[in-house]
């Protein structure tokens, strides 16, 4: 990566950022020279008999997706496949509780003491799941207290994540695999090009309001800090430690719900990987429950409103891309799942 951070290319990037007719910035060649890519171990936790692995902070996709699944582990979702309103209710309540934690606690771990281990501890997730009433929507969704005192240090914040992201999943004949989510943040990123590629606009992932009520926002802008994202490339391993599923999606903050819902379809409802990524979406973060318009899930609107939910019909344009792996006497059998909402196809033998 050195050519990106030093030399002629780095100088050209800094010059383009400083001198352009879109929005001149203050990045310097020295800033690029000081940057270092950070390699981390995957973040993993249990979901039923499976091991779910995803990215570490500053992507919130790993911890928040696993929080959603961890809370849902308290419910027998397999029995609710034929009761869609109840299944949607439980899913969106878990999503709302996880997002309340996300907005308060998560940020670049070099700047923020995010209590990731505590947020994913089985005891904490059981306590959060116990807040979900199967018969009534929560009227006040707030962050929990995974670590004594830490909730008093920060104020909740929000960022305008833009859904201009791509994801691909690849598994080769040697047994290697990758689930990769990447983003330029906003259509054509910053709309600036250098050396034949687009410069991203990733800093819009920061919360623009740095302080609320006298307390700092965890994801506020600071020099040298990495912004919080929602990218959630995810892998599932079975009880024997074998890779069984790779999945991820574009979609801004919706990525977390898209991926978690696909995992539930694959694990709990025994859907094929194609069925799991094509299933109608339902999401909730800090606002209303979003149902994917013009799909069968809209039929559950009245039942969800009877539980106390506010409903909005939306175009939930995911771009899920997944591979499921089965193991037979003849070897591995790969199945692809490609989201029908976007262009794309699966290729391979």
Protein backbone atom coordinates (compact mmCIF):
# COMPACT_ATOMS: atom_id res chain seq x y z
CA UNK A 1 0.00 0.00 0.00
CA UNK A 2 3.01 2.31 0.19
CA UNK A 3 2.48 3.81 -3.31
CA UNK A 4 -0.97 4.97 -2.19
CA UNK A 5 0.38 6.79 0.85
CA UNK A 6 3.64 8.24 -0.45
CA UNK A 7 5.22 9.46 -3.66
CA UNK A 8 3.61 10.90 -6.77
CA UNK A 9 0.19 9.27 -6.28
CA UNK A 10 -0.13 10.53 -2.71
CA UNK A 11 0.85 14.01 -3.81
CA UNK A 12 -1.74 13.91 -6.60
CA UNK A 13 -4.47 12.79 -4.18
CA UNK A 14 -3.65 15.61 -1.76
CA UNK A 15 -3.55 18.17 -4.57
CA UNK A 16 -6.93 17.04 -5.93
CA UNK A 17 -8.53 17.19 -2.47
CA UNK A 18 -7.16 20.70 -1.86
CA UNK A 19 -7.90 22.10 -5.32
CA UNK A 20 -11.21 21.12 -6.89
CA UNK A 21 -14.51 22.71 -7.84
CA UNK A 22 -16.64 20.35 -5.72
CA UNK A 23 -15.53 20.96 -2.12
CA UNK A 24 -11.87 21.81 -1.45
CA UNK A 25 -10.46 20.02 1.58
CA UNK A 26 -7.36 20.14 3.75
CA UNK A 27 -5.79 16.70 3.30
CA UNK A 28 -2.03 16.84 2.82
CA UNK A 29 0.56 14.39 1.53
CA UNK A 30 1.89 14.25 5.09
CA UNK A 31 -1.54 13.07 6.31
CA UNK A 32 -1.44 10.17 3.84
CA UNK A 33 2.13 9.26 4.79
CA UNK A 34 1.10 8.92 8.46
CA UNK A 35 -1.88 6.66 7.72
CA UNK A 36 -1.59 2.95 8.42
CA UNK A 37 -4.08 0.26 7.42
CA UNK A 38 -5.12 -1.77 10.44
CA UNK A 39 -5.38 -5.56 10.32
CA UNK A 40 -7.56 -7.17 12.99
CA UNK A 41 -8.81 -10.61 13.90
CA UNK A 42 -12.49 -11.30 13.07
CA UNK A 43 -15.15 -10.66 15.69
CA UNK A 44 -17.01 -13.90 16.41
CA UNK A 45 -19.89 -15.01 18.61
CA UNK A 46 -22.38 -17.85 18.84
CA UNK A 47 -25.80 -18.04 17.22
CA UNK A 48 -27.53 -21.27 18.15
CA UNK A 49 -25.07 -24.03 17.16
CA UNK A 50 -23.27 -21.76 14.69
CA UNK A 51 -20.28 -19.45 14.99
CA UNK A 52 -20.86 -16.06 13.34
CA UNK A 53 -17.83 -13.99 12.37
CA UNK A 54 -17.66 -10.43 11.06
CA UNK A 55 -15.54 -7.25 11.13
CA UNK A 56 -14.22 -5.44 14.18
CA UNK A 57 -14.79 -1.76 14.88
CA UNK A 58 -14.79 0.80 13.36
CA UNK A 59 -17.27 -1.18 11.28
CA UNK A 60 -20.33 -1.55 13.49
CA UNK A 61 -21.59 -4.32 11.22
CA UNK A 62 -19.87 -7.09 13.15
CA UNK A 63 -20.96 -6.26 16.68
CA UNK A 64 -24.45 -4.95 15.80
CA UNK A 65 -25.37 -7.84 13.51
CA UNK A 66 -24.20 -10.28 16.17
CA UNK A 67 -26.16 -8.41 18.85
CA UNK A 68 -29.35 -8.76 16.79
CA UNK A 69 -28.74 -12.48 16.33
CA UNK A 70 -27.74 -12.92 19.96
CA UNK A 71 -31.04 -11.47 21.15
CA UNK A 72 -33.03 -13.51 18.65
CA UNK A 73 -31.35 -16.63 20.04
CA UNK A 74 -33.70 -16.35 23.02
CA UNK A 75 -36.71 -17.11 20.78
CA UNK A 76 -37.73 -20.21 18.85
CA UNK A 77 -37.83 -18.60 15.42
CA UNK A 78 -38.09 -21.96 13.66
CA UNK A 79 -41.68 -22.26 14.91
CA UNK A 80 -42.55 -18.79 13.61
CA UNK A 81 -41.86 -19.38 9.94
CA UNK A 82 -45.61 -19.63 9.37
CA UNK A 83 -46.36 -16.67 11.68
CA UNK A 84 -44.74 -13.79 9.80
CA UNK A 85 -46.13 -10.92 11.88
CA UNK A 86 -44.74 -12.41 15.09
CA UNK A 87 -41.39 -13.18 13.47
CA UNK A 88 -41.11 -9.64 12.07
CA UNK A 89 -42.04 -8.17 15.45
CA UNK A 90 -39.29 -10.05 17.27
CA UNK A 91 -36.72 -9.24 14.59
CA UNK A 92 -37.37 -5.50 14.45
CA UNK A 93 -37.43 -5.19 18.25
CA UNK A 94 -33.99 -6.85 18.44
CA UNK A 95 -32.79 -4.55 15.66
CA UNK A 96 -34.04 -1.45 17.50
CA UNK A 97 -32.36 -2.47 20.77
CA UNK A 98 -29.06 -3.20 19.01
CA UNK A 99 -29.14 0.16 17.21
CA UNK A 100 -29.75 1.98 20.50
CA UNK A 101 -26.48 0.47 21.76
CA UNK A 102 -24.74 1.24 18.47
CA UNK A 103 -25.54 4.94 18.48
CA UNK A 104 -24.32 5.40 22.05
CA UNK A 105 -21.26 3.20 22.39
CA UNK A 106 -19.59 2.49 19.07
CA UNK A 107 -16.75 4.32 17.37
CA UNK A 108 -13.09 3.95 16.44
CA UNK A 109 -11.64 1.79 19.26
CA UNK A 110 -8.44 3.84 19.28
CA UNK A 111 -10.53 6.80 20.44
CA UNK A 112 -13.58 5.24 22.12
CA UNK A 113 -13.64 2.59 24.89
CA UNK A 114 -16.44 0.67 23.19
CA UNK A 115 -17.58 -2.25 25.40
CA UNK A 116 -17.73 -4.78 22.57
CA UNK A 117 -17.13 -7.89 24.68
CA UNK A 118 -19.83 -6.83 27.13
CA UNK A 119 -22.29 -5.97 24.33
CA UNK A 120 -21.93 -9.53 23.03
CA UNK A 121 -21.86 -11.34 26.35
CA UNK A 122 -24.62 -13.98 26.62
CA UNK A 123 -25.86 -12.54 29.94
CA UNK A 124 -26.22 -9.03 28.52
CA UNK A 125 -27.98 -10.27 25.38
CA UNK A 126 -30.39 -12.34 27.48
CA UNK A 127 -31.23 -9.23 29.50
CA UNK A 128 -31.82 -7.22 26.32
CA UNK A 129 -33.94 -9.98 24.80
CA UNK A 130 -36.04 -10.10 27.98
CA UNK A 131 -37.16 -6.53 27.21
CA UNK A 132 -38.95 -7.75 24.08
CA UNK A 133 -42.65 -8.34 24.70
CA UNK A 134 -44.04 -10.79 22.12
CA UNK A 135 -47.40 -9.05 22.34
CA UNK A 136 -46.49 -5.36 22.29
CA UNK A 137 -43.94 -3.02 20.72
CA UNK A 138 -41.48 -1.28 23.00
CA UNK A 139 -42.46 2.34 23.54
CA UNK A 140 -39.06 3.49 24.81
CA UNK A 141 -35.99 1.94 23.20
CA UNK A 142 -32.77 3.00 24.92
CA UNK A 143 -29.22 1.72 25.16
CA UNK A 144 -28.41 -0.81 27.85
CA UNK A 145 -25.65 -0.75 30.45
CA UNK A 146 -23.14 -3.43 29.42
CA UNK A 147 -20.37 -1.98 31.58
CA UNK A 148 -20.90 0.04 34.79
CA UNK A 149 -20.49 3.76 34.24
CA UNK A 150 -19.66 3.72 30.54
CA UNK A 151 -23.14 4.90 29.49
CA UNK A 152 -22.53 8.18 31.30
CA UNK A 153 -19.46 8.99 29.23
CA UNK A 154 -21.13 9.49 25.84
CA UNK A 155 -24.24 10.84 24.15
CA UNK A 156 -26.06 9.09 21.28
CA UNK A 157 -25.24 10.32 17.80
CA UNK A 158 -26.23 9.67 14.22
CA UNK A 159 -24.47 9.78 10.85
CA UNK A 160 -25.88 10.11 7.34
CA UNK A 161 -24.46 6.87 5.93
CA UNK A 162 -25.02 6.75 2.21
CA UNK A 163 -25.83 3.42 0.55
CA UNK A 164 -23.25 3.46 -2.26
CA UNK A 165 -21.55 0.22 -1.38
CA UNK A 166 -20.68 -3.06 -3.07
CA UNK A 167 -20.31 -6.60 -1.77
CA UNK A 168 -19.01 -9.84 -3.22
CA UNK A 169 -18.51 -13.33 -1.80
CA UNK A 170 -15.95 -15.72 -3.30
CA UNK A 171 -14.99 -19.32 -2.49
CA UNK A 172 -12.29 -21.10 -4.49
CA UNK A 173 -11.45 -24.76 -5.10
CA UNK A 174 -8.64 -24.68 -2.54
CA UNK A 175 -11.01 -23.96 0.35
CA UNK A 176 -10.17 -20.27 0.66
CA UNK A 177 -13.00 -17.76 0.81
CA UNK A 178 -13.63 -14.03 1.15
CA UNK A 179 -16.66 -11.94 2.00
CA UNK A 180 -15.81 -8.36 1.05
CA UNK A 181 -17.83 -5.18 1.46
CA UNK A 182 -16.41 -1.94 0.09
CA UNK A 183 -17.77 1.58 -0.24
CA UNK A 184 -16.99 4.93 -1.85
CA UNK A 185 -19.80 6.48 0.25
CA UNK A 186 -22.25 8.38 -1.91
CA UNK A 187 -22.80 8.11 -5.66
CA UNK A 188 -19.34 8.32 -7.24
CA UNK A 189 -17.87 9.00 -3.79
CA UNK A 190 -16.41 12.49 -3.55
CA UNK A 191 -16.83 12.86 -7.34
CA UNK A 192 -13.09 13.38 -7.61
CA UNK A 193 -10.74 11.12 -9.60
CA UNK A 194 -7.00 10.58 -9.30
CA UNK A 195 -4.92 7.98 -11.13
CA UNK A 196 -7.98 6.38 -12.72
CA UNK A 197 -10.00 5.76 -9.53
CA UNK A 198 -12.63 7.63 -7.54
CA UNK A 199 -11.78 9.14 -4.16
CA UNK A 200 -14.30 8.10 -1.53
CA UNK A 201 -16.48 10.29 0.64
CA UNK A 202 -16.20 8.07 3.71
CA UNK A 203 -15.88 10.91 6.23
CA UNK A 204 -19.65 11.42 5.92
CA UNK A 205 -19.91 8.31 8.15
CA UNK A 206 -18.96 10.51 11.11
CA UNK A 207 -21.62 12.08 13.32
CA UNK A 208 -21.62 15.77 12.44
CA UNK A 209 -22.80 16.88 15.89
CA UNK A 210 -19.80 16.32 18.21
CA UNK A 211 -21.51 16.85 21.55
CA UNK A 212 -25.02 16.44 22.96
CA UNK A 213 -26.02 17.66 26.41
CA UNK A 214 -22.43 18.32 27.36
CA UNK A 215 -21.32 14.77 26.49
CA UNK A 216 -19.22 13.76 23.48
CA UNK A 217 -20.67 11.59 20.72
CA UNK A 218 -18.61 8.42 20.30
CA UNK A 219 -18.52 8.72 16.50
CA UNK A 220 -17.72 12.43 16.39
CA UNK A 221 -15.06 13.81 14.05
CA UNK A 222 -11.49 13.80 15.38
CA UNK A 223 -8.10 14.00 13.69
CA UNK A 224 -6.70 10.60 12.78
CA UNK A 225 -9.94 8.85 13.68
CA UNK A 226 -11.67 6.28 11.48
CA UNK A 227 -15.44 6.78 10.96
CA UNK A 228 -18.01 4.21 12.06
CA UNK A 229 -19.52 2.20 9.20
CA UNK A 230 -22.18 -0.51 8.93
CA UNK A 231 -20.38 -2.85 6.55
CA UNK A 232 -21.06 -6.43 7.66
CA UNK A 233 -19.30 -9.09 5.60
CA UNK A 234 -20.20 -12.21 7.54
CA UNK A 235 -19.17 -15.87 7.71
CA UNK A 236 -20.91 -18.74 9.48
CA UNK A 237 -19.05 -21.82 10.70
CA UNK A 238 -20.69 -25.04 11.84
CA UNK A 239 -19.97 -27.07 14.98
CA UNK A 240 -17.03 -28.74 13.24
CA UNK A 241 -15.47 -25.38 12.41
CA UNK A 242 -16.27 -25.68 8.70
CA UNK A 243 -17.21 -22.60 6.70
CA UNK A 244 -20.86 -22.90 5.68
CA UNK A 245 -22.03 -19.42 4.65
CA UNK A 246 -20.54 -16.19 3.31
CA UNK A 247 -22.87 -13.20 3.04
CA UNK A 248 -22.88 -9.41 2.90
CA UNK A 249 -24.71 -6.50 1.33
CA UNK A 250 -24.67 -2.83 0.38
CA UNK A 251 -27.23 -0.54 1.99
CA UNK A 252 -25.81 1.94 4.52
CA UNK A 253 -27.09 1.28 8.04
CA UNK A 254 -29.63 -1.14 6.53
CA UNK A 255 -26.79 -3.57 5.82
CA UNK A 256 -26.99 -4.85 9.39
CA UNK A 257 -30.65 -5.81 9.11
CA UNK A 258 -30.24 -7.23 5.60
CA UNK A 259 -27.45 -9.56 6.71
CA UNK A 260 -29.06 -10.58 10.01
CA UNK A 261 -32.32 -11.39 8.23
CA UNK A 262 -30.48 -13.56 5.70
CA UNK A 263 -28.78 -15.48 8.51
CA UNK A 264 -32.14 -16.10 10.20
CA UNK A 265 -33.59 -17.37 6.91
CA UNK A 266 -30.66 -19.70 6.33
CA UNK A 267 -30.29 -20.99 9.91
CA UNK A 268 -33.78 -20.92 11.44
CA UNK A 269 -36.04 -21.34 8.45
CA UNK A 270 -33.85 -23.72 6.45
CA UNK A 271 -34.12 -21.54 3.35
CA UNK A 272 -31.80 -22.08 0.43
CA UNK A 273 -29.22 -19.33 0.18
CA UNK A 274 -31.08 -17.90 -2.83
CA UNK A 275 -34.36 -17.85 -0.90
CA UNK A 276 -32.66 -16.18 2.06
CA UNK A 277 -31.24 -13.26 0.06
CA UNK A 278 -34.41 -12.80 -2.02
CA UNK A 279 -36.87 -12.78 0.91
CA UNK A 280 -38.84 -9.53 1.46
CA UNK A 281 -37.17 -7.15 3.90
CA UNK A 282 -38.35 -5.69 7.21
CA UNK A 283 -36.17 -3.38 9.26
CA UNK A 284 -36.23 -0.96 12.18
CA UNK A 285 -33.49 1.25 13.56
CA UNK A 286 -34.41 4.50 15.27
CA UNK A 287 -37.63 5.25 13.42
CA UNK A 288 -40.64 3.34 12.09
CA UNK A 289 -40.69 -0.29 11.07
CA UNK A 290 -39.82 -0.38 7.38
CA UNK A 291 -41.56 -2.97 5.22
CA UNK A 292 -40.36 -3.57 1.68
CA UNK A 293 -43.00 -2.11 -0.59
CA UNK A 294 -44.65 -4.19 -3.30
CA UNK A 295 -43.80 -7.47 -1.56
CA UNK A 296 -45.79 -10.06 0.39
CA UNK A 297 -44.54 -8.67 3.69
CA UNK A 298 -46.79 -5.61 3.30
CA UNK A 299 -49.74 -7.90 4.16
CA UNK A 300 -48.48 -7.92 7.77
CA UNK A 301 -48.93 -4.17 8.19
CA UNK A 302 -52.22 -4.29 10.12
CA UNK A 303 -51.02 -7.04 12.46
CA UNK A 304 -47.83 -5.09 13.23
CA UNK A 305 -49.77 -1.87 13.81
CA UNK A 306 -51.99 -3.79 16.24
CA UNK A 307 -48.82 -4.58 18.22
CA UNK A 308 -48.04 -0.87 18.43
CA UNK A 309 -45.60 -0.42 15.56
CA UNK A 310 -45.55 2.56 13.24
CA UNK A 311 -45.13 1.31 9.69
CA UNK A 312 -43.46 2.84 6.63
CA UNK A 313 -43.40 1.19 3.20
CA UNK A 314 -40.00 1.67 1.59
CA UNK A 315 -37.88 0.59 -1.36
CA UNK A 316 -35.32 -1.52 0.52
CA UNK A 317 -32.79 -1.99 -2.24
CA UNK A 318 -30.26 -4.43 -0.81
CA UNK A 319 -27.55 -6.12 -2.86
CA UNK A 320 -27.00 -9.33 -0.91
CA UNK A 321 -24.46 -11.77 -2.30
CA UNK A 322 -23.98 -15.09 -0.57
CA UNK A 323 -22.46 -18.53 -0.94
CA UNK A 324 -23.59 -21.59 1.03
CA UNK A 325 -21.22 -24.56 1.36
CA UNK A 326 -22.35 -28.15 1.97
CA UNK A 327 -19.98 -31.05 2.57
CA UNK A 328 -20.63 -34.45 1.00
CA UNK A 329 -18.63 -37.63 0.45
CA UNK A 330 -17.63 -36.27 -2.93
CA UNK A 331 -16.45 -32.97 -1.49
CA UNK A 332 -17.81 -29.47 -1.14
CA UNK A 333 -20.98 -28.34 -2.88
CA UNK A 334 -21.37 -24.59 -3.35
CA UNK A 335 -24.69 -22.78 -3.82
CA UNK A 336 -24.97 -19.11 -4.70
CA UNK A 337 -27.51 -16.52 -3.63
CA UNK A 338 -27.75 -13.33 -5.70
CA UNK A 339 -30.08 -10.51 -4.72
CA UNK A 340 -32.74 -10.04 -7.44
CA UNK A 341 -33.11 -6.37 -6.49
CA UNK A 342 -29.90 -5.43 -8.30
CA UNK A 343 -27.90 -6.49 -11.32
CA UNK A 344 -25.47 -9.33 -10.77
CA UNK A 345 -24.98 -13.03 -11.24
CA UNK A 346 -23.07 -15.96 -9.79
CA UNK A 347 -20.25 -17.61 -11.72
CA UNK A 348 -18.20 -20.76 -11.22
CA UNK A 349 -18.25 -24.53 -11.60
